[in-house]
Amino acid sequence: MNDPSQNAKLLIVDDEKSILDYVGLGLKYEGFPFSTAASCAEARKRLGEEEVDLVVLDRMLPDGDGLSLCQWIKESKGIPVLLLSALGEVEDRVEGLNSGADDYLPKPFQFVELVARIR
């Protein structure tokens, strides 16, 4: 059966090339269309140019705070956001969810769990 969530376009925002490569390889295998960004500025640019259904967003980016970007995405675009971060304490997750994130997955993570949360 075809999973309708696989038609969703994702934007993966992370400054770690290894994370982008790992997630990208898995998303290709799973059949999800996606694009990537390595900074807040690049993410804003992509969101202005592309139709995106879900943003997977790192909290710590080289040119800004992922939480501020999350708030901007939610307020201006209304797109669901899944925060993906090395900051995984309860306080960090609560802060992320309070910033508007729909979900929060601490690093390191298993790809199968990421896909389940995306779906």
N, C-alpha and C. Protein backbone atom coordinates (compact mmCIF):
# COMPACT_ATOMS: atom_id res chain seq x y z
N MET A 1 0.84 -1.18 0.00
CA MET A 1 0.00 0.00 0.00
C MET A 1 0.88 1.24 0.00
N ASN A 2 0.55 2.23 -0.79
CA ASN A 2 1.32 3.46 -0.88
C ASN A 2 1.02 4.34 0.33
N ASP A 3 2.05 4.78 1.01
CA ASP A 3 1.91 5.63 2.18
C ASP A 3 1.79 7.08 1.72
N PRO A 4 0.65 7.75 2.01
CA PRO A 4 0.47 9.12 1.54
C PRO A 4 1.49 10.09 2.12
N SER A 5 2.07 9.78 3.28
CA SER A 5 3.07 10.68 3.86
C SER A 5 4.34 10.73 3.01
N GLN A 6 4.54 9.73 2.16
CA GLN A 6 5.74 9.73 1.34
C GLN A 6 5.67 10.76 0.21
N ASN A 7 4.51 11.36 -0.02
CA ASN A 7 4.41 12.43 -0.99
C ASN A 7 4.78 13.77 -0.37
N ALA A 8 4.97 13.80 0.95
CA ALA A 8 5.30 15.03 1.65
C ALA A 8 6.73 15.44 1.32
N LYS A 9 6.92 16.73 1.05
CA LYS A 9 8.25 17.27 0.79
C LYS A 9 8.84 17.74 2.11
N LEU A 10 10.06 17.31 2.41
CA LEU A 10 10.73 17.64 3.65
C LEU A 10 11.87 18.62 3.40
N LEU A 11 12.14 19.44 4.40
CA LEU A 11 13.34 20.27 4.42
C LEU A 11 14.13 19.85 5.65
N ILE A 12 15.35 19.39 5.44
CA ILE A 12 16.23 18.96 6.52
C ILE A 12 17.24 20.07 6.75
N VAL A 13 17.27 20.63 7.97
CA VAL A 13 18.15 21.75 8.29
C VAL A 13 19.12 21.31 9.38
N ASP A 14 20.39 21.17 9.01
CA ASP A 14 21.43 20.76 9.95
C ASP A 14 22.77 21.21 9.40
N ASP A 15 23.65 21.68 10.25
CA ASP A 15 24.96 22.13 9.78
C ASP A 15 25.99 21.01 9.76
N GLU A 16 25.62 19.83 10.24
CA GLU A 16 26.54 18.69 10.21
C GLU A 16 26.32 17.90 8.92
N LYS A 17 27.33 17.93 8.06
CA LYS A 17 27.21 17.24 6.78
C LYS A 17 26.93 15.75 6.98
N SER A 18 27.52 15.14 8.00
CA SER A 18 27.30 13.71 8.24
C SER A 18 25.82 13.42 8.54
N ILE A 19 25.16 14.31 9.26
CA ILE A 19 23.73 14.13 9.56
C ILE A 19 22.92 14.28 8.27
N LEU A 20 23.22 15.33 7.49
CA LEU A 20 22.50 15.53 6.22
C LEU A 20 22.68 14.33 5.30
N ASP A 21 23.91 13.80 5.23
CA ASP A 21 24.17 12.63 4.38
C ASP A 21 23.41 11.40 4.88
N TYR A 22 23.47 11.15 6.18
CA TYR A 22 22.82 9.99 6.79
C TYR A 22 21.30 10.05 6.60
N VAL A 23 20.71 11.20 6.96
CA VAL A 23 19.26 11.35 6.83
C VAL A 23 18.86 11.33 5.36
N GLY A 24 19.63 12.02 4.52
CA GLY A 24 19.32 12.06 3.09
C GLY A 24 19.34 10.69 2.45
N LEU A 25 20.32 9.89 2.77
CA LEU A 25 20.41 8.54 2.21
C LEU A 25 19.19 7.71 2.61
N GLY A 26 18.83 7.80 3.89
CA GLY A 26 17.67 7.06 4.36
C GLY A 26 16.36 7.54 3.75
N LEU A 27 16.22 8.86 3.60
CA LEU A 27 14.99 9.41 3.00
C LEU A 27 14.87 9.01 1.54
N LYS A 28 15.99 8.99 0.83
CA LYS A 28 15.96 8.53 -0.58
C LYS A 28 15.49 7.09 -0.63
N TYR A 29 16.03 6.27 0.25
CA TYR A 29 15.65 4.86 0.29
C TYR A 29 14.16 4.70 0.59
N GLU A 30 13.64 5.54 1.51
CA GLU A 30 12.23 5.47 1.90
C GLU A 30 11.30 6.14 0.89
N GLY A 31 11.86 6.86 -0.08
CA GLY A 31 11.05 7.48 -1.12
C GLY A 31 10.51 8.87 -0.79
N PHE A 32 11.06 9.52 0.22
CA PHE A 32 10.62 10.87 0.57
C PHE A 32 11.36 11.92 -0.27
N PRO A 33 10.65 12.84 -0.90
CA PRO A 33 11.33 13.96 -1.54
C PRO A 33 11.78 14.95 -0.46
N PHE A 34 12.97 15.52 -0.63
CA PHE A 34 13.50 16.42 0.38
C PHE A 34 14.54 17.36 -0.22
N SER A 35 14.78 18.42 0.49
CA SER A 35 15.92 19.29 0.21
C SER A 35 16.62 19.54 1.53
N THR A 36 17.80 20.13 1.47
CA THR A 36 18.57 20.35 2.68
C THR A 36 19.02 21.81 2.77
N ALA A 37 19.33 22.20 4.00
CA ALA A 37 19.91 23.52 4.27
C ALA A 37 20.85 23.36 5.45
N ALA A 38 21.94 24.14 5.44
CA ALA A 38 22.95 24.01 6.49
C ALA A 38 22.98 25.23 7.42
N SER A 39 22.04 26.15 7.26
CA SER A 39 22.01 27.35 8.09
C SER A 39 20.59 27.91 8.15
N CYS A 40 20.39 28.85 9.08
CA CYS A 40 19.09 29.53 9.17
C CYS A 40 18.79 30.29 7.88
N ALA A 41 19.79 31.01 7.38
CA ALA A 41 19.60 31.80 6.16
C ALA A 41 19.23 30.92 4.98
N GLU A 42 19.92 29.81 4.83
CA GLU A 42 19.63 28.90 3.73
C GLU A 42 18.23 28.28 3.89
N ALA A 43 17.85 27.97 5.12
CA ALA A 43 16.52 27.40 5.37
C ALA A 43 15.43 28.41 5.00
N ARG A 44 15.59 29.66 5.41
CA ARG A 44 14.61 30.70 5.07
C ARG A 44 14.50 30.86 3.55
N LYS A 45 15.65 30.82 2.88
CA LYS A 45 15.65 30.94 1.42
C LYS A 45 14.88 29.78 0.78
N ARG A 46 15.18 28.56 1.20
CA ARG A 46 14.48 27.39 0.66
C ARG A 46 12.97 27.47 0.92
N LEU A 47 12.61 27.90 2.12
CA LEU A 47 11.19 27.99 2.47
C LEU A 47 10.48 29.06 1.65
N GLY A 48 11.22 30.03 1.17
CA GLY A 48 10.64 31.05 0.30
C GLY A 48 10.52 30.59 -1.15
N GLU A 49 11.29 29.59 -1.52
CA GLU A 49 11.34 29.12 -2.91
C GLU A 49 10.59 27.81 -3.17
N GLU A 50 10.43 27.00 -2.12
CA GLU A 50 9.90 25.65 -2.30
C GLU A 50 8.66 25.42 -1.43
N GLU A 51 7.79 24.54 -1.91
CA GLU A 51 6.68 24.07 -1.10
C GLU A 51 7.23 22.97 -0.20
N VAL A 52 7.07 23.14 1.10
CA VAL A 52 7.59 22.19 2.08
C VAL A 52 6.45 21.80 3.02
N ASP A 53 6.36 20.51 3.32
CA ASP A 53 5.31 20.00 4.19
C ASP A 53 5.76 19.76 5.63
N LEU A 54 7.08 19.58 5.82
CA LEU A 54 7.62 19.32 7.16
C LEU A 54 9.07 19.76 7.18
N VAL A 55 9.48 20.42 8.29
CA VAL A 55 10.87 20.80 8.48
C VAL A 55 11.45 19.97 9.62
N VAL A 56 12.58 19.31 9.34
CA VAL A 56 13.35 18.62 10.38
C VAL A 56 14.52 19.55 10.67
N LEU A 57 14.56 20.10 11.88
CA LEU A 57 15.40 21.25 12.19
C LEU A 57 16.32 21.00 13.37
N ASP A 58 17.60 21.25 13.17
CA ASP A 58 18.58 21.21 14.25
C ASP A 58 18.43 22.48 15.09
N ARG A 59 18.67 22.37 16.37
CA ARG A 59 18.58 23.54 17.25
C ARG A 59 19.77 24.46 17.14
N MET A 60 20.96 23.90 16.94
CA MET A 60 22.18 24.71 16.95
C MET A 60 22.71 24.85 15.53
N LEU A 61 22.59 26.06 14.99
CA LEU A 61 23.03 26.33 13.62
C LEU A 61 24.07 27.44 13.65
N PRO A 62 24.93 27.49 12.63
CA PRO A 62 26.06 28.43 12.68
C PRO A 62 25.67 29.90 12.65
N ASP A 63 24.51 30.22 12.12
CA ASP A 63 24.13 31.63 11.98
C ASP A 63 22.87 32.00 12.78
N GLY A 64 22.51 31.17 13.75
CA GLY A 64 21.35 31.51 14.55
C GLY A 64 20.83 30.34 15.35
N ASP A 65 19.82 30.64 16.13
CA ASP A 65 19.21 29.67 17.02
C ASP A 65 18.07 28.95 16.31
N GLY A 66 18.10 27.63 16.33
CA GLY A 66 17.04 26.85 15.71
C GLY A 66 15.68 27.09 16.33
N LEU A 67 15.65 27.46 17.61
CA LEU A 67 14.37 27.73 18.26
C LEU A 67 13.71 28.98 17.68
N SER A 68 14.51 30.00 17.41
CA SER A 68 13.98 31.22 16.78
C SER A 68 13.49 30.92 15.38
N LEU A 69 14.25 30.12 14.65
CA LEU A 69 13.83 29.73 13.30
C LEU A 69 12.54 28.92 13.37
N CYS A 70 12.44 28.03 14.34
CA CYS A 70 11.22 27.23 14.53
C CYS A 70 10.02 28.14 14.74
N GLN A 71 10.16 29.14 15.61
CA GLN A 71 9.05 30.07 15.87
C GLN A 71 8.67 30.82 14.59
N TRP A 72 9.66 31.24 13.83
CA TRP A 72 9.39 31.95 12.57
C TRP A 72 8.65 31.05 11.59
N ILE A 73 9.10 29.80 11.46
CA ILE A 73 8.45 28.85 10.55
C ILE A 73 6.99 28.64 10.95
N LYS A 74 6.75 28.43 12.23
CA LYS A 74 5.38 28.19 12.70
C LYS A 74 4.49 29.41 12.49
N GLU A 75 5.02 30.61 12.79
CA GLU A 75 4.22 31.84 12.68
C GLU A 75 4.00 32.27 11.23
N SER A 76 5.04 32.18 10.41
CA SER A 76 4.92 32.72 9.05
C SER A 76 4.51 31.68 8.01
N LYS A 77 4.84 30.41 8.24
CA LYS A 77 4.57 29.38 7.24
C LYS A 77 3.53 28.36 7.69
N GLY A 78 3.39 28.17 9.00
CA GLY A 78 2.44 27.19 9.51
C GLY A 78 2.81 25.75 9.18
N ILE A 79 4.10 25.50 8.97
CA ILE A 79 4.58 24.17 8.60
C ILE A 79 4.98 23.41 9.86
N PRO A 80 4.64 22.12 9.97
CA PRO A 80 5.10 21.33 11.12
C PRO A 80 6.62 21.27 11.19
N VAL A 81 7.14 21.28 12.42
CA VAL A 81 8.58 21.25 12.67
C VAL A 81 8.90 20.12 13.63
N LEU A 82 9.88 19.31 13.25
CA LEU A 82 10.43 18.28 14.12
C LEU A 82 11.84 18.74 14.48
N LEU A 83 12.09 19.07 15.75
CA LEU A 83 13.42 19.46 16.17
C LEU A 83 14.28 18.22 16.37
N LEU A 84 15.51 18.33 15.90
CA LEU A 84 16.48 17.24 16.00
C LEU A 84 17.72 17.85 16.63
N SER A 85 18.10 17.43 17.82
CA SER A 85 19.16 18.15 18.51
C SER A 85 19.98 17.27 19.43
N ALA A 86 21.25 17.67 19.59
CA ALA A 86 22.12 17.03 20.56
C ALA A 86 21.72 17.43 21.98
N LEU A 87 20.95 18.51 22.11
CA LEU A 87 20.44 18.93 23.41
C LEU A 87 19.21 18.10 23.72
N GLY A 88 19.37 17.10 24.56
CA GLY A 88 18.30 16.13 24.75
C GLY A 88 17.74 16.01 26.15
N GLU A 89 18.15 16.91 27.06
CA GLU A 89 17.61 16.86 28.41
C GLU A 89 16.13 17.26 28.39
N VAL A 90 15.41 16.90 29.42
CA VAL A 90 13.99 17.20 29.49
C VAL A 90 13.75 18.70 29.30
N GLU A 91 14.55 19.53 29.95
CA GLU A 91 14.38 20.98 29.83
C GLU A 91 14.55 21.44 28.39
N ASP A 92 15.51 20.85 27.67
CA ASP A 92 15.75 21.19 26.27
C ASP A 92 14.56 20.81 25.41
N ARG A 93 14.03 19.62 25.63
CA ARG A 93 12.88 19.15 24.84
C ARG A 93 11.65 20.02 25.11
N VAL A 94 11.43 20.36 26.38
CA VAL A 94 10.29 21.20 26.74
C VAL A 94 10.44 22.58 26.10
N GLU A 95 11.64 23.14 26.15
CA GLU A 95 11.89 24.45 25.53
C GLU A 95 11.61 24.39 24.03
N GLY A 96 12.04 23.31 23.38
CA GLY A 96 11.80 23.15 21.96
C GLY A 96 10.32 23.04 21.63
N LEU A 97 9.62 22.25 22.40
CA LEU A 97 8.18 22.10 22.18
C LEU A 97 7.44 23.41 22.47
N ASN A 98 7.88 24.13 23.48
CA ASN A 98 7.27 25.42 23.80
C ASN A 98 7.57 26.48 22.75
N SER A 99 8.62 26.28 21.96
CA SER A 99 8.94 27.25 20.90
C SER A 99 8.07 27.02 19.66
N GLY A 100 7.27 25.96 19.68
CA GLY A 100 6.36 25.70 18.57
C GLY A 100 6.61 24.39 17.84
N ALA A 101 7.67 23.68 18.21
CA ALA A 101 7.96 22.41 17.54
C ALA A 101 6.82 21.42 17.78
N ASP A 102 6.54 20.63 16.77
CA ASP A 102 5.51 19.60 16.88
C ASP A 102 6.05 18.32 17.49
N ASP A 103 7.37 18.13 17.41
CA ASP A 103 8.01 16.95 17.95
C ASP A 103 9.47 17.29 18.20
N TYR A 104 10.15 16.45 18.98
CA TYR A 104 11.55 16.69 19.36
C TYR A 104 12.23 15.34 19.46
N LEU A 105 13.30 15.16 18.70
CA LEU A 105 14.05 13.91 18.72
C LEU A 105 15.50 14.22 19.06
N PRO A 106 15.99 13.73 20.21
CA PRO A 106 17.38 13.98 20.57
C PRO A 106 18.35 13.14 19.74
N LYS A 107 19.53 13.72 19.47
CA LYS A 107 20.63 12.99 18.84
C LYS A 107 21.42 12.31 19.95
N PRO A 108 22.02 11.19 19.73
CA PRO A 108 21.91 10.37 18.51
C PRO A 108 20.54 9.71 18.44
N PHE A 109 20.14 9.36 17.25
CA PHE A 109 18.82 8.78 17.03
C PHE A 109 18.95 7.62 16.05
N GLN A 110 17.94 6.78 16.05
CA GLN A 110 17.85 5.70 15.08
C GLN A 110 16.99 6.18 13.92
N PHE A 111 17.42 5.91 12.70
CA PHE A 111 16.71 6.40 11.53
C PHE A 111 15.26 5.91 11.50
N VAL A 112 15.01 4.68 11.91
CA VAL A 112 13.65 4.14 11.88
C VAL A 112 12.72 4.96 12.77
N GLU A 113 13.24 5.48 13.89
CA GLU A 113 12.42 6.32 14.75
C GLU A 113 12.15 7.67 14.08
N LEU A 114 13.15 8.23 13.42
CA LEU A 114 12.94 9.48 12.69
C LEU A 114 11.85 9.32 11.64
N VAL A 115 11.91 8.25 10.88
CA VAL A 115 10.88 8.01 9.84
C VAL A 115 9.50 7.85 10.46
N ALA A 116 9.41 7.14 11.57
CA ALA A 116 8.12 6.97 12.25
C ALA A 116 7.57 8.32 12.68
N ARG A 117 8.42 9.20 13.19
CA ARG A 117 7.97 10.52 13.61
C ARG A 117 7.59 11.39 12.41
N ILE A 118 8.30 11.26 11.30
CA ILE A 118 7.97 12.00 10.09
C ILE A 118 6.59 11.57 9.59
N ARG A 119 6.34 10.28 9.59
CA ARG A 119 5.05 9.77 9.12
C ARG A 119 3.93 10.22 10.03
